[in-house]
Amino acid sequence: GRVMFAIPWHQHTLVGTTDVPLNDIPIEPVATEEEID
């Protein structure tokens, strides 16, 4: 249900994003394998 972007950024290619509800809020969130896939 989101919009996906692939954008040029600092001479690289940035692609995102996902939308996954969370139960807790870590200071250093980590991508899940499902999100990466």
PDB file of all heavy atoms in Angstrom:
ATOM      1  N   GLY A   1       0.786  -1.229   0.000  1.00  0.00           N
ATOM      2  CA  GLY A   1       0.000   0.000   0.000  1.00  0.00           C
ATOM      3  C   GLY A   1       0.812   1.271   0.000  1.00  0.00           C
ATOM      4  O   GLY A   1       0.264   2.360   0.173  1.00  0.00           O
ATOM      5  N   ARG A   2       2.119   1.158  -0.201  1.00  0.00           N
ATOM      6  CA  ARG A   2       2.958   2.354  -0.202  1.00  0.00           C
ATOM      7  C   ARG A   2       3.390   2.720  -1.612  1.00  0.00           C
ATOM      8  O   ARG A   2       3.133   1.997  -2.580  1.00  0.00           O
ATOM      9  CB  ARG A   2       4.201   2.130   0.667  1.00  0.00           C
ATOM     10  CG  ARG A   2       3.912   2.077   2.158  1.00  0.00           C
ATOM     11  CD  ARG A   2       5.185   2.213   2.967  1.00  0.00           C
ATOM     12  NE  ARG A   2       5.860   3.481   2.715  1.00  0.00           N
ATOM     13  CZ  ARG A   2       5.482   4.644   3.255  1.00  0.00           C
ATOM     14  NH1 ARG A   2       4.458   4.697   4.079  1.00  0.00           N
ATOM     15  NH2 ARG A   2       6.141   5.748   2.972  1.00  0.00           N
ATOM     16  N   VAL A   3       4.087   3.850  -1.700  1.00  0.00           N
ATOM     17  CA  VAL A   3       4.754   4.259  -2.929  1.00  0.00           C
ATOM     18  C   VAL A   3       6.200   3.769  -2.859  1.00  0.00           C
ATOM     19  O   VAL A   3       6.826   3.832  -1.803  1.00  0.00           O
ATOM     20  CB  VAL A   3       4.709   5.795  -3.066  1.00  0.00           C
ATOM     21  CG1 VAL A   3       5.565   6.267  -4.221  1.00  0.00           C
ATOM     22  CG2 VAL A   3       3.276   6.273  -3.219  1.00  0.00           C
ATOM     23  N   MET A   4       6.733   3.242  -3.968  1.00  0.00           N
ATOM     24  CA  MET A   4       8.143   2.867  -3.990  1.00  0.00           C
ATOM     25  C   MET A   4       8.929   3.848  -4.839  1.00  0.00           C
ATOM     26  O   MET A   4       8.473   4.255  -5.921  1.00  0.00           O
ATOM     27  CB  MET A   4       8.340   1.459  -4.551  1.00  0.00           C
ATOM     28  CG  MET A   4       9.757   0.937  -4.326  1.00  0.00           C
ATOM     29  SD  MET A   4      10.282  -0.383  -5.448  1.00  0.00           S
ATOM     30  CE  MET A   4      10.715   0.559  -6.917  1.00  0.00           C
ATOM     31  N   PHE A   5      10.099   4.243  -4.331  1.00  0.00           N
ATOM     32  CA  PHE A   5      10.982   5.136  -5.054  1.00  0.00           C
ATOM     33  C   PHE A   5      12.317   4.443  -5.329  1.00  0.00           C
ATOM     34  O   PHE A   5      12.840   3.724  -4.470  1.00  0.00           O
ATOM     35  CB  PHE A   5      11.270   6.401  -4.239  1.00  0.00           C
ATOM     36  CG  PHE A   5      10.073   7.281  -4.010  1.00  0.00           C
ATOM     37  CD1 PHE A   5       9.386   7.249  -2.808  1.00  0.00           C
ATOM     38  CD2 PHE A   5       9.640   8.152  -4.995  1.00  0.00           C
ATOM     39  CE1 PHE A   5       8.291   8.065  -2.579  1.00  0.00           C
ATOM     40  CE2 PHE A   5       8.540   8.983  -4.788  1.00  0.00           C
ATOM     41  CZ  PHE A   5       7.868   8.929  -3.575  1.00  0.00           C
ATOM     42  N   ALA A   6      12.858   4.691  -6.501  1.00  0.00           N
ATOM     43  CA  ALA A   6      14.265   4.386  -6.796  1.00  0.00           C
ATOM     44  C   ALA A   6      14.872   5.707  -7.231  1.00  0.00           C
ATOM     45  O   ALA A   6      14.440   6.295  -8.240  1.00  0.00           O
ATOM     46  CB  ALA A   6      14.391   3.335  -7.894  1.00  0.00           C
ATOM     47  N   ILE A   7      15.830   6.210  -6.467  1.00  0.00           N
ATOM     48  CA  ILE A   7      16.323   7.563  -6.714  1.00  0.00           C
ATOM     49  C   ILE A   7      17.852   7.605  -6.747  1.00  0.00           C
ATOM     50  O   ILE A   7      18.515   6.857  -6.047  1.00  0.00           O
ATOM     51  CB  ILE A   7      15.800   8.554  -5.643  1.00  0.00           C
ATOM     52  CG1 ILE A   7      16.333   8.197  -4.254  1.00  0.00           C
ATOM     53  CG2 ILE A   7      14.287   8.587  -5.633  1.00  0.00           C
ATOM     54  CD1 ILE A   7      15.945   9.205  -3.196  1.00  0.00           C
ATOM     55  N   PRO A   8      18.400   8.483  -7.584  1.00  0.00           N
ATOM     56  CA  PRO A   8      19.852   8.713  -7.530  1.00  0.00           C
ATOM     57  C   PRO A   8      20.184   9.583  -6.322  1.00  0.00           C
ATOM     58  O   PRO A   8      19.526  10.599  -6.087  1.00  0.00           O
ATOM     59  CB  PRO A   8      20.131   9.452  -8.853  1.00  0.00           C
ATOM     60  CG  PRO A   8      18.836  10.139  -9.193  1.00  0.00           C
ATOM     61  CD  PRO A   8      17.745   9.282  -8.625  1.00  0.00           C
ATOM     62  N   TRP A   9      21.188   9.164  -5.551  1.00  0.00           N
ATOM     63  CA  TRP A   9      21.549   9.908  -4.341  1.00  0.00           C
ATOM     64  C   TRP A   9      23.030   9.734  -4.065  1.00  0.00           C
ATOM     65  O   TRP A   9      23.506   8.613  -3.892  1.00  0.00           O
ATOM     66  CB  TRP A   9      20.715   9.423  -3.147  1.00  0.00           C
ATOM     67  CG  TRP A   9      20.875  10.227  -1.896  1.00  0.00           C
ATOM     68  CD1 TRP A   9      20.553  11.540  -1.720  1.00  0.00           C
ATOM     69  CD2 TRP A   9      21.399   9.778  -0.637  1.00  0.00           C
ATOM     70  NE1 TRP A   9      20.834  11.936  -0.432  1.00  0.00           N
ATOM     71  CE2 TRP A   9      21.349  10.872   0.257  1.00  0.00           C
ATOM     72  CE3 TRP A   9      21.894   8.552  -0.179  1.00  0.00           C
ATOM     73  CZ2 TRP A   9      21.787  10.789   1.576  1.00  0.00           C
ATOM     74  CZ3 TRP A   9      22.324   8.460   1.131  1.00  0.00           C
ATOM     75  CH2 TRP A   9      22.276   9.566   2.003  1.00  0.00           C
ATOM     76  N   HIS A  10      23.769  10.833  -4.054  1.00  0.00           N
ATOM     77  CA  HIS A  10      25.208  10.808  -3.796  1.00  0.00           C
ATOM     78  C   HIS A  10      25.925   9.752  -4.647  1.00  0.00           C
ATOM     79  O   HIS A  10      26.716   8.951  -4.148  1.00  0.00           O
ATOM     80  CB  HIS A  10      25.486  10.566  -2.316  1.00  0.00           C
ATOM     81  CG  HIS A  10      25.153  11.728  -1.422  1.00  0.00           C
ATOM     82  ND1 HIS A  10      25.401  13.038  -1.772  1.00  0.00           N
ATOM     83  CD2 HIS A  10      24.579  11.772  -0.187  1.00  0.00           C
ATOM     84  CE1 HIS A  10      25.007  13.843  -0.796  1.00  0.00           C
ATOM     85  NE2 HIS A  10      24.496  13.099   0.168  1.00  0.00           N
ATOM     86  N   GLN A  11      25.633   9.758  -5.948  1.00  0.00           N
ATOM     87  CA  GLN A  11      26.274   8.847  -6.905  1.00  0.00           C
ATOM     88  C   GLN A  11      25.983   7.381  -6.607  1.00  0.00           C
ATOM     89  O   GLN A  11      26.751   6.484  -6.972  1.00  0.00           O
ATOM     90  CB  GLN A  11      27.787   9.092  -6.949  1.00  0.00           C
ATOM     91  CG  GLN A  11      28.187  10.508  -7.306  1.00  0.00           C
ATOM     92  CD  GLN A  11      27.650  10.930  -8.678  1.00  0.00           C
ATOM     93  OE1 GLN A  11      27.821  10.221  -9.659  1.00  0.00           O
ATOM     94  NE2 GLN A  11      26.983  12.089  -8.733  1.00  0.00           N
ATOM     95  N   HIS A  12      24.876   7.109  -5.943  1.00  0.00           N
ATOM     96  CA  HIS A  12      24.416   5.755  -5.679  1.00  0.00           C
ATOM     97  C   HIS A  12      22.933   5.667  -6.028  1.00  0.00           C
ATOM     98  O   HIS A  12      22.308   6.668  -6.418  1.00  0.00           O
ATOM     99  CB  HIS A  12      24.637   5.373  -4.207  1.00  0.00           C
ATOM    100  CG  HIS A  12      26.069   5.167  -3.845  1.00  0.00           C
ATOM    101  ND1 HIS A  12      26.981   6.204  -3.789  1.00  0.00           N
ATOM    102  CD2 HIS A  12      26.762   4.039  -3.532  1.00  0.00           C
ATOM    103  CE1 HIS A  12      28.168   5.725  -3.455  1.00  0.00           C
ATOM    104  NE2 HIS A  12      28.064   4.415  -3.294  1.00  0.00           N
ATOM    105  N   THR A  13      22.350   4.488  -5.901  1.00  0.00           N
ATOM    106  CA  THR A  13      20.923   4.275  -6.149  1.00  0.00           C
ATOM    107  C   THR A  13      20.253   3.848  -4.850  1.00  0.00           C
ATOM    108  O   THR A  13      20.651   2.851  -4.239  1.00  0.00           O
ATOM    109  CB  THR A  13      20.714   3.185  -7.214  1.00  0.00           C
ATOM    110  OG1 THR A  13      21.377   3.568  -8.429  1.00  0.00           O
ATOM    111  CG2 THR A  13      19.230   2.979  -7.486  1.00  0.00           C
ATOM    112  N   LEU A  14      19.253   4.607  -4.434  1.00  0.00           N
ATOM    113  CA  LEU A  14      18.525   4.358  -3.192  1.00  0.00           C
ATOM    114  C   LEU A  14      17.127   3.864  -3.532  1.00  0.00           C
ATOM    115  O   LEU A  14      16.422   4.490  -4.328  1.00  0.00           O
ATOM    116  CB  LEU A  14      18.447   5.651  -2.382  1.00  0.00           C
ATOM    117  CG  LEU A  14      17.694   5.638  -1.046  1.00  0.00           C
ATOM    118  CD1 LEU A  14      18.504   4.887   0.002  1.00  0.00           C
ATOM    119  CD2 LEU A  14      17.434   7.065  -0.576  1.00  0.00           C
ATOM    120  N   VAL A  15      16.724   2.722  -2.962  1.00  0.00           N
ATOM    121  CA  VAL A  15      15.416   2.140  -3.256  1.00  0.00           C
ATOM    122  C   VAL A  15      14.668   1.883  -1.955  1.00  0.00           C
ATOM    123  O   VAL A  15      15.203   1.301  -1.012  1.00  0.00           O
ATOM    124  CB  VAL A  15      15.557   0.816  -4.041  1.00  0.00           C
ATOM    125  CG1 VAL A  15      14.171   0.271  -4.410  1.00  0.00           C
ATOM    126  CG2 VAL A  15      16.388   1.011  -5.307  1.00  0.00           C
ATOM    127  N   GLY A  16      13.422   2.302  -1.879  1.00  0.00           N
ATOM    128  CA  GLY A  16      12.596   2.060  -0.695  1.00  0.00           C
ATOM    129  C   GLY A  16      11.173   2.514  -0.975  1.00  0.00           C
ATOM    130  O   GLY A  16      10.894   3.098  -2.023  1.00  0.00           O
ATOM    131  N   THR A  17      10.238   2.216  -0.100  1.00  0.00           N
ATOM    132  CA  THR A  17      10.465   1.774   1.242  1.00  0.00           C
ATOM    133  C   THR A  17       9.364   0.801   1.618  1.00  0.00           C
ATOM    134  O   THR A  17       8.464   0.524   0.801  1.00  0.00           O
ATOM    135  CB  THR A  17      10.496   2.959   2.227  1.00  0.00           C
ATOM    136  OG1 THR A  17      10.712   2.538   3.556  1.00  0.00           O
ATOM    137  CG2 THR A  17       9.209   3.754   2.156  1.00  0.00           C
ATOM    138  N   THR A  18       9.384   0.308   2.846  1.00  0.00           N
ATOM    139  CA  THR A  18       8.374  -0.623   3.347  1.00  0.00           C
ATOM    140  C   THR A  18       7.529   0.066   4.410  1.00  0.00           C
ATOM    141  O   THR A  18       7.792   1.208   4.796  1.00  0.00           O
ATOM    142  CB  THR A  18       9.050  -1.860   3.956  1.00  0.00           C
ATOM    143  OG1 THR A  18       9.981  -1.441   4.963  1.00  0.00           O
ATOM    144  CG2 THR A  18       9.773  -2.659   2.891  1.00  0.00           C
ATOM    145  N   ASP A  19       6.530  -0.642   4.907  1.00  0.00           N
ATOM    146  CA  ASP A  19       5.682  -0.098   5.970  1.00  0.00           C
ATOM    147  C   ASP A  19       5.257  -1.252   6.860  1.00  0.00           C
ATOM    148  O   ASP A  19       4.331  -1.996   6.544  1.00  0.00           O
ATOM    149  CB  ASP A  19       4.460   0.607   5.382  1.00  0.00           C
ATOM    150  CG  ASP A  19       3.758   1.490   6.405  1.00  0.00           C
ATOM    151  OD1 ASP A  19       3.447   0.987   7.495  1.00  0.00           O
ATOM    152  OD2 ASP A  19       3.554   2.677   6.116  1.00  0.00           O
ATOM    153  N   VAL A  20       5.964  -1.421   7.979  1.00  0.00           N
ATOM    154  CA  VAL A  20       5.731  -2.552   8.878  1.00  0.00           C
ATOM    155  C   VAL A  20       5.436  -2.022  10.278  1.00  0.00           C
ATOM    156  O   VAL A  20       6.296  -1.392  10.899  1.00  0.00           O
ATOM    157  CB  VAL A  20       6.953  -3.490   8.929  1.00  0.00           C
ATOM    158  CG1 VAL A  20       6.703  -4.647   9.889  1.00  0.00           C
ATOM    159  CG2 VAL A  20       7.282  -4.011   7.530  1.00  0.00           C
ATOM    160  N   PRO A  21       4.234  -2.249  10.805  1.00  0.00           N
ATOM    161  CA  PRO A  21       3.926  -1.808  12.178  1.00  0.00           C
ATOM    162  C   PRO A  21       4.858  -2.466  13.195  1.00  0.00           C
ATOM    163  O   PRO A  21       5.238  -3.631  13.051  1.00  0.00           O
ATOM    164  CB  PRO A  21       2.479  -2.275  12.383  1.00  0.00           C
ATOM    165  CG  PRO A  21       1.928  -2.461  11.002  1.00  0.00           C
ATOM    166  CD  PRO A  21       3.077  -2.898  10.161  1.00  0.00           C
ATOM    167  N   LEU A  22       5.247  -1.696  14.224  1.00  0.00           N
ATOM    168  CA  LEU A  22       6.149  -2.197  15.261  1.00  0.00           C
ATOM    169  C   LEU A  22       5.458  -2.212  16.618  1.00  0.00           C
ATOM    170  O   LEU A  22       4.591  -1.382  16.886  1.00  0.00           O
ATOM    171  CB  LEU A  22       7.393  -1.308  15.358  1.00  0.00           C
ATOM    172  CG  LEU A  22       8.323  -1.242  14.144  1.00  0.00           C
ATOM    173  CD1 LEU A  22       9.466  -0.265  14.431  1.00  0.00           C
ATOM    174  CD2 LEU A  22       8.877  -2.602  13.789  1.00  0.00           C
ATOM    175  N   ASN A  23       5.885  -3.123  17.461  1.00  0.00           N
ATOM    176  CA  ASN A  23       5.403  -3.154  18.839  1.00  0.00           C
ATOM    177  C   ASN A  23       6.332  -2.404  19.783  1.00  0.00           C
ATOM    178  O   ASN A  23       5.891  -1.808  20.774  1.00  0.00           O
ATOM    179  CB  ASN A  23       5.250  -4.602  19.309  1.00  0.00           C
ATOM    180  CG  ASN A  23       4.151  -5.331  18.567  1.00  0.00           C
ATOM    181  OD1 ASN A  23       3.093  -4.749  18.283  1.00  0.00           O
ATOM    182  ND2 ASN A  23       4.384  -6.588  18.214  1.00  0.00           N
ATOM    183  N   ASP A  24       7.632  -2.460  19.500  1.00  0.00           N
ATOM    184  CA  ASP A  24       8.588  -1.703  20.308  1.00  0.00           C
ATOM    185  C   ASP A  24       9.372  -0.775  19.397  1.00  0.00           C
ATOM    186  O   ASP A  24       9.263  -0.837  18.169  1.00  0.00           O
ATOM    187  CB  ASP A  24       9.529  -2.639  21.082  1.00  0.00           C
ATOM    188  CG  ASP A  24      10.311  -3.565  20.145  1.00  0.00           C
ATOM    189  OD1 ASP A  24      10.008  -3.580  18.937  1.00  0.00           O
ATOM    190  OD2 ASP A  24      11.225  -4.259  20.620  1.00  0.00           O
ATOM    191  N   ILE A  25      10.181   0.115  20.013  1.00  0.00           N
ATOM    192  CA  ILE A  25      10.859   1.157  19.240  1.00  0.00           C
ATOM    193  C   ILE A  25      12.351   1.139  19.589  1.00  0.00           C
ATOM    194  O   ILE A  25      12.789   1.872  20.488  1.00  0.00           O
ATOM    195  CB  ILE A  25      10.242   2.545  19.524  1.00  0.00           C
ATOM    196  CG1 ILE A  25       8.714   2.481  19.383  1.00  0.00           C
ATOM    197  CG2 ILE A  25      10.810   3.586  18.569  1.00  0.00           C
ATOM    198  CD1 ILE A  25       8.009   3.774  19.742  1.00  0.00           C
ATOM    199  N   PRO A  26      13.146   0.351  18.900  1.00  0.00           N
ATOM    200  CA  PRO A  26      14.583   0.312  19.187  1.00  0.00           C
ATOM    201  C   PRO A  26      15.276   1.576  18.697  1.00  0.00           C
ATOM    202  O   PRO A  26      14.821   2.216  17.740  1.00  0.00           O
ATOM    203  CB  PRO A  26      15.063  -0.911  18.413  1.00  0.00           C
ATOM    204  CG  PRO A  26      14.104  -1.019  17.266  1.00  0.00           C
ATOM    205  CD  PRO A  26      12.774  -0.558  17.802  1.00  0.00           C
ATOM    206  N   ILE A  27      16.376   1.946  19.347  1.00  0.00           N
ATOM    207  CA  ILE A  27      17.127   3.125  18.906  1.00  0.00           C
ATOM    208  C   ILE A  27      17.872   2.827  17.609  1.00  0.00           C
ATOM    209  O   ILE A  27      18.137   3.718  16.818  1.00  0.00           O
ATOM    210  CB  ILE A  27      18.110   3.608  20.012  1.00  0.00           C
ATOM    211  CG1 ILE A  27      18.728   4.951  19.609  1.00  0.00           C
ATOM    212  CG2 ILE A  27      19.183   2.579  20.295  1.00  0.00           C
ATOM    213  CD1 ILE A  27      17.761   6.092  19.440  1.00  0.00           C
ATOM    214  N   GLU A  28      18.198   1.548  17.371  1.00  0.00           N
ATOM    215  CA  GLU A  28      18.886   1.155  16.138  1.00  0.00           C
ATOM    216  C   GLU A  28      18.043   0.083  15.448  1.00  0.00           C
ATOM    217  O   GLU A  28      18.297  -1.109  15.567  1.00  0.00           O
ATOM    218  CB  GLU A  28      20.288   0.616  16.450  1.00  0.00           C
ATOM    219  CG  GLU A  28      21.179   0.409  15.230  1.00  0.00           C
ATOM    220  CD  GLU A  28      21.517   1.701  14.501  1.00  0.00           C
ATOM    221  OE1 GLU A  28      22.186   2.570  15.083  1.00  0.00           O
ATOM    222  OE2 GLU A  28      21.098   1.826  13.332  1.00  0.00           O
ATOM    223  N   PRO A  29      16.988   0.491  14.712  1.00  0.00           N
ATOM    224  CA  PRO A  29      16.121  -0.486  14.053  1.00  0.00           C
ATOM    225  C   PRO A  29      16.871  -1.277  12.989  1.00  0.00           C
ATOM    226  O   PRO A  29      17.825  -0.775  12.383  1.00  0.00           O
ATOM    227  CB  PRO A  29      15.014   0.375  13.432  1.00  0.00           C
ATOM    228  CG  PRO A  29      15.613   1.739  13.296  1.00  0.00           C
ATOM    229  CD  PRO A  29      16.585   1.879  14.427  1.00  0.00           C
ATOM    230  N   VAL A  30      16.441  -2.499  12.761  1.00  0.00           N
ATOM    231  CA  VAL A  30      17.128  -3.402  11.842  1.00  0.00           C
ATOM    232  C   VAL A  30      16.138  -3.911  10.797  1.00  0.00           C
ATOM    233  O   VAL A  30      15.014  -4.325  11.139  1.00  0.00           O
ATOM    234  CB  VAL A  30      17.745  -4.596  12.611  1.00  0.00           C
ATOM    235  CG1 VAL A  30      18.398  -5.578  11.652  1.00  0.00           C
ATOM    236  CG2 VAL A  30      18.763  -4.095  13.636  1.00  0.00           C
ATOM    237  N   ALA A  31      16.552  -3.896   9.548  1.00  0.00           N
ATOM    238  CA  ALA A  31      15.713  -4.401   8.466  1.00  0.00           C
ATOM    239  C   ALA A  31      15.500  -5.904   8.621  1.00  0.00           C
ATOM    240  O   ALA A  31      16.425  -6.645   8.962  1.00  0.00           O
ATOM    241  CB  ALA A  31      16.363  -4.114   7.122  1.00  0.00           C
ATOM    242  N   THR A  32      14.286  -6.357   8.371  1.00  0.00           N
ATOM    243  CA  THR A  32      14.012  -7.788   8.397  1.00  0.00           C
ATOM    244  C   THR A  32      14.324  -8.402   7.030  1.00  0.00           C
ATOM    245  O   THR A  32      14.362  -7.698   6.008  1.00  0.00           O
ATOM    246  CB  THR A  32      12.545  -8.065   8.745  1.00  0.00           C
ATOM    247  OG1 THR A  32      11.710  -7.565   7.678  1.00  0.00           O
ATOM    248  CG2 THR A  32      12.155  -7.390  10.053  1.00  0.00           C
ATOM    249  N   GLU A  33      14.518  -9.711   7.011  1.00  0.00           N
ATOM    250  CA  GLU A  33      14.769 -10.398   5.749  1.00  0.00           C
ATOM    251  C   GLU A  33      13.572 -10.252   4.820  1.00  0.00           C
ATOM    252  O   GLU A  33      13.735 -10.122   3.597  1.00  0.00           O
ATOM    253  CB  GLU A  33      15.081 -11.877   6.002  1.00  0.00           C
ATOM    254  CG  GLU A  33      16.351 -12.125   6.802  1.00  0.00           C
ATOM    255  CD  GLU A  33      17.595 -11.569   6.124  1.00  0.00           C
ATOM    256  OE1 GLU A  33      17.606 -11.447   4.874  1.00  0.00           O
ATOM    257  OE2 GLU A  33      18.559 -11.247   6.840  1.00  0.00           O
ATOM    258  N   GLU A  34      12.359 -10.254   5.378  1.00  0.00           N
ATOM    259  CA  GLU A  34      11.158 -10.106   4.559  1.00  0.00           C
ATOM    260  C   GLU A  34      11.124  -8.734   3.877  1.00  0.00           C
ATOM    261  O   GLU A  34      10.745  -8.628   2.704  1.00  0.00           O
ATOM    262  CB  GLU A  34       9.906 -10.283   5.426  1.00  0.00           C
ATOM    263  CG  GLU A  34       9.673 -11.708   5.930  1.00  0.00           C
ATOM    264  CD  GLU A  34      10.571 -12.077   7.115  1.00  0.00           C
ATOM    265  OE1 GLU A  34      11.200 -11.148   7.694  1.00  0.00           O
ATOM    266  OE2 GLU A  34      10.649 -13.270   7.443  1.00  0.00           O
ATOM    267  N   GLU A  35      11.515  -7.696   4.612  1.00  0.00           N
ATOM    268  CA  GLU A  35      11.541  -6.354   4.015  1.00  0.00           C
ATOM    269  C   GLU A  35      12.574  -6.269   2.890  1.00  0.00           C
ATOM    270  O   GLU A  35      12.322  -5.670   1.840  1.00  0.00           O
ATOM    271  CB  GLU A  35      11.855  -5.316   5.094  1.00  0.00           C
ATOM    272  CG  GLU A  35      10.724  -5.057   6.072  1.00  0.00           C
ATOM    273  CD  GLU A  35      11.122  -4.049   7.132  1.00  0.00           C
ATOM    274  OE1 GLU A  35      11.980  -4.377   7.984  1.00  0.00           O
ATOM    275  OE2 GLU A  35      10.582  -2.932   7.102  1.00  0.00           O
ATOM    276  N   ILE A  36      13.744  -6.835   3.125  1.00  0.00           N
ATOM    277  CA  ILE A  36      14.791  -6.816   2.107  1.00  0.00           C
ATOM    278  C   ILE A  36      14.322  -7.540   0.845  1.00  0.00           C
ATOM    279  O   ILE A  36      14.459  -7.024  -0.280  1.00  0.00           O
ATOM    280  CB  ILE A  36      16.080  -7.457   2.655  1.00  0.00           C
ATOM    281  CG1 ILE A  36      16.667  -6.586   3.777  1.00  0.00           C
ATOM    282  CG2 ILE A  36      17.109  -7.662   1.543  1.00  0.00           C
ATOM    283  CD1 ILE A  36      17.786  -7.242   4.558  1.00  0.00           C
ATOM    284  N   ASP A  37      13.732  -8.716   1.019  1.00  0.00           N
ATOM    285  CA  ASP A  37      13.236  -9.476  -0.131  1.00  0.00           C
ATOM    286  C   ASP A  37      12.130  -8.712  -0.856  1.00  0.00           C
ATOM    287  O   ASP A  37      12.045  -8.745  -2.094  1.00  0.00           O
ATOM    288  CB  ASP A  37      12.714 -10.835   0.327  1.00  0.00           C
ATOM    289  CG  ASP A  37      13.823 -11.771   0.778  1.00  0.00           C
ATOM    290  OD1 ASP A  37      14.995 -11.520   0.411  1.00  0.00           O
ATOM    291  OD2 ASP A  37      13.524 -12.740   1.515  1.00  0.00           O
TER     292      ASP A  37
END
